Protein backbone atom coordinates (compact mmCIF):
# COMPACT_ATOMS: atom_id res chain seq x y z
CA MET A 1 0.00 0.00 0.00
CA THR A 2 1.17 3.52 -0.69
CA PRO A 3 1.20 6.36 1.83
CA LEU A 4 -1.61 8.86 1.64
CA PRO A 5 -0.83 11.87 -0.59
CA GLY A 6 -0.50 15.41 0.80
CA ALA A 7 -2.63 18.66 0.87
CA ALA A 8 -5.33 17.81 3.17
CA ILE A 9 -3.73 14.43 3.50
CA LEU A 10 -6.96 12.67 4.46
CA PRO A 11 -9.54 14.65 2.47
CA HIS A 12 -11.90 11.84 1.49
CA MET A 13 -11.65 9.82 4.67
CA ALA A 14 -14.83 9.46 6.69
CA ASP A 15 -14.48 9.32 10.46
CA ASP A 16 -16.01 5.89 10.96
CA GLN A 17 -14.36 2.98 12.76
CA GLN A 18 -13.57 0.91 9.65
CA ASP A 19 -11.62 3.76 8.09
CA ALA A 20 -9.54 4.07 11.27
CA VAL A 21 -8.84 0.32 11.16
CA ASP A 22 -7.80 0.57 7.50
CA GLU A 23 -5.60 3.58 8.25
CA TYR A 24 -4.00 1.69 11.12
CA ARG A 25 -3.13 -1.14 8.74
CA HIS A 26 -1.53 1.39 6.38
CA TYR A 27 0.35 2.92 9.32
CA LEU A 28 1.75 -0.48 10.34
CA GLU A 29 2.87 -1.09 6.76
CA ARG A 30 4.56 2.33 6.64
CA PHE A 31 6.17 1.73 10.01
CA ASP A 32 7.65 -1.62 8.96
CA ALA A 33 8.83 -0.25 5.61
CA ARG A 34 10.31 3.02 6.87
CA VAL A 35 11.41 2.24 10.40
CA GLY A 36 11.64 -1.54 10.62
CA ALA A 37 10.19 -4.16 12.90
CA CYS A 38 9.92 -3.40 16.61
CA GLU A 39 7.53 -4.03 19.49
CA PHE A 40 4.46 -1.89 20.12
CA GLY A 41 5.33 0.91 22.52
CA ALA A 42 9.00 0.80 21.56
CA TYR A 43 10.79 3.82 20.12
CA ALA A 44 12.86 3.81 16.94
CA LYS A 45 14.66 6.53 15.02
CA HIS A 46 13.13 7.91 11.84
CA ASN A 47 14.29 11.08 10.05
CA GLY A 48 16.27 12.16 13.10
CA ARG A 49 13.34 11.77 15.52
CA LEU A 50 12.37 9.08 17.96
CA ILE A 51 9.06 7.62 16.82
CA LYS A 52 6.97 5.36 19.03
CA LYS A 53 5.25 2.36 17.46
CA LEU A 54 1.66 3.11 18.39
CA SER A 55 -0.99 0.70 19.60
CA TYR A 56 -4.37 0.97 17.87
CA ASP A 57 -5.83 3.14 20.65
CA GLU A 58 -2.82 5.50 20.57
CA PHE A 59 -2.99 5.63 16.78
CA GLU A 60 -6.69 6.43 16.79
CA THR A 61 -6.10 9.36 19.16
CA LYS A 62 -3.17 10.70 17.11
CA LEU A 63 -5.14 10.27 13.87
CA GLY A 64 -8.05 12.26 15.31
CA GLU A 65 -5.66 15.04 16.37
CA PHE A 66 -4.01 14.99 12.96
CA ARG A 67 -7.35 15.24 11.16
CA GLU A 68 -8.42 18.25 13.25
CA VAL A 69 -5.14 20.10 12.67
CA ASP A 70 -5.03 19.14 8.99
CA LYS A 71 -8.57 20.45 8.50
CA ALA A 72 -7.70 23.74 10.23
CA TYR A 73 -4.55 24.03 8.10
CA ALA A 74 -6.52 23.46 4.88
CA GLU A 75 -9.10 26.09 5.91
CA ILE A 76 -6.36 28.61 6.70
CA LEU A 77 -4.79 28.06 3.29
CA ALA A 78 -8.15 28.32 1.53
CA ASN A 79 -8.95 31.59 3.31
CA GLY A 80 -5.48 33.05 2.82
CA ASP A 81 -5.12 33.58 6.57
CA THR A 82 -1.87 33.69 8.52
CA ILE A 83 -0.73 30.27 9.68
CA ASN A 84 -0.14 29.87 13.40
CA ASP A 85 3.32 28.46 14.25
CA VAL A 86 1.83 26.15 16.89
CA LEU A 87 -0.53 24.65 14.31
CA VAL A 88 2.39 23.97 11.96
CA LYS A 89 4.41 22.42 14.80
CA VAL A 90 1.55 20.09 15.79
CA LEU A 91 0.88 19.16 12.16
CA ARG A 92 4.55 18.26 11.69
CA GLU A 93 4.64 16.25 14.92
CA ARG A 94 1.51 14.27 14.05
CA SER A 95 2.76 13.69 10.50
CA ASP A 96 6.00 12.28 11.90
CA GLU A 97 4.23 10.16 14.51
CA LEU A 98 1.88 8.70 11.89
CA LEU A 99 4.73 8.35 9.36
CA LEU A 100 2.90 10.51 6.83
CA ASP A 101 4.83 12.62 4.35
CA ARG A 102 4.98 16.20 5.60
CA LYS A 103 3.34 18.92 3.59
CA VAL A 104 4.64 21.78 5.78
């Protein structure tokens, strides 16, 4: 499976449980391909950062946070508003944690 493409990275994804399960499967595939095999809860280095291999519950929380921040980011860009540095920082952190390609 390929990683999800950028600018509103998850634009067509509904928020139902099955989509989260499918996204978790993609995340595990990305983790194994980019970071390598390790136990859940363990940390490994990726792009100069320590990344924790997330359990499903942790992933679901991080995915929800990512979706909220990604939506706000897309709205800011659409409106031509000034981007808040904190929003960019959180978007980058969640992208790294979920092993999604950064768009900022």
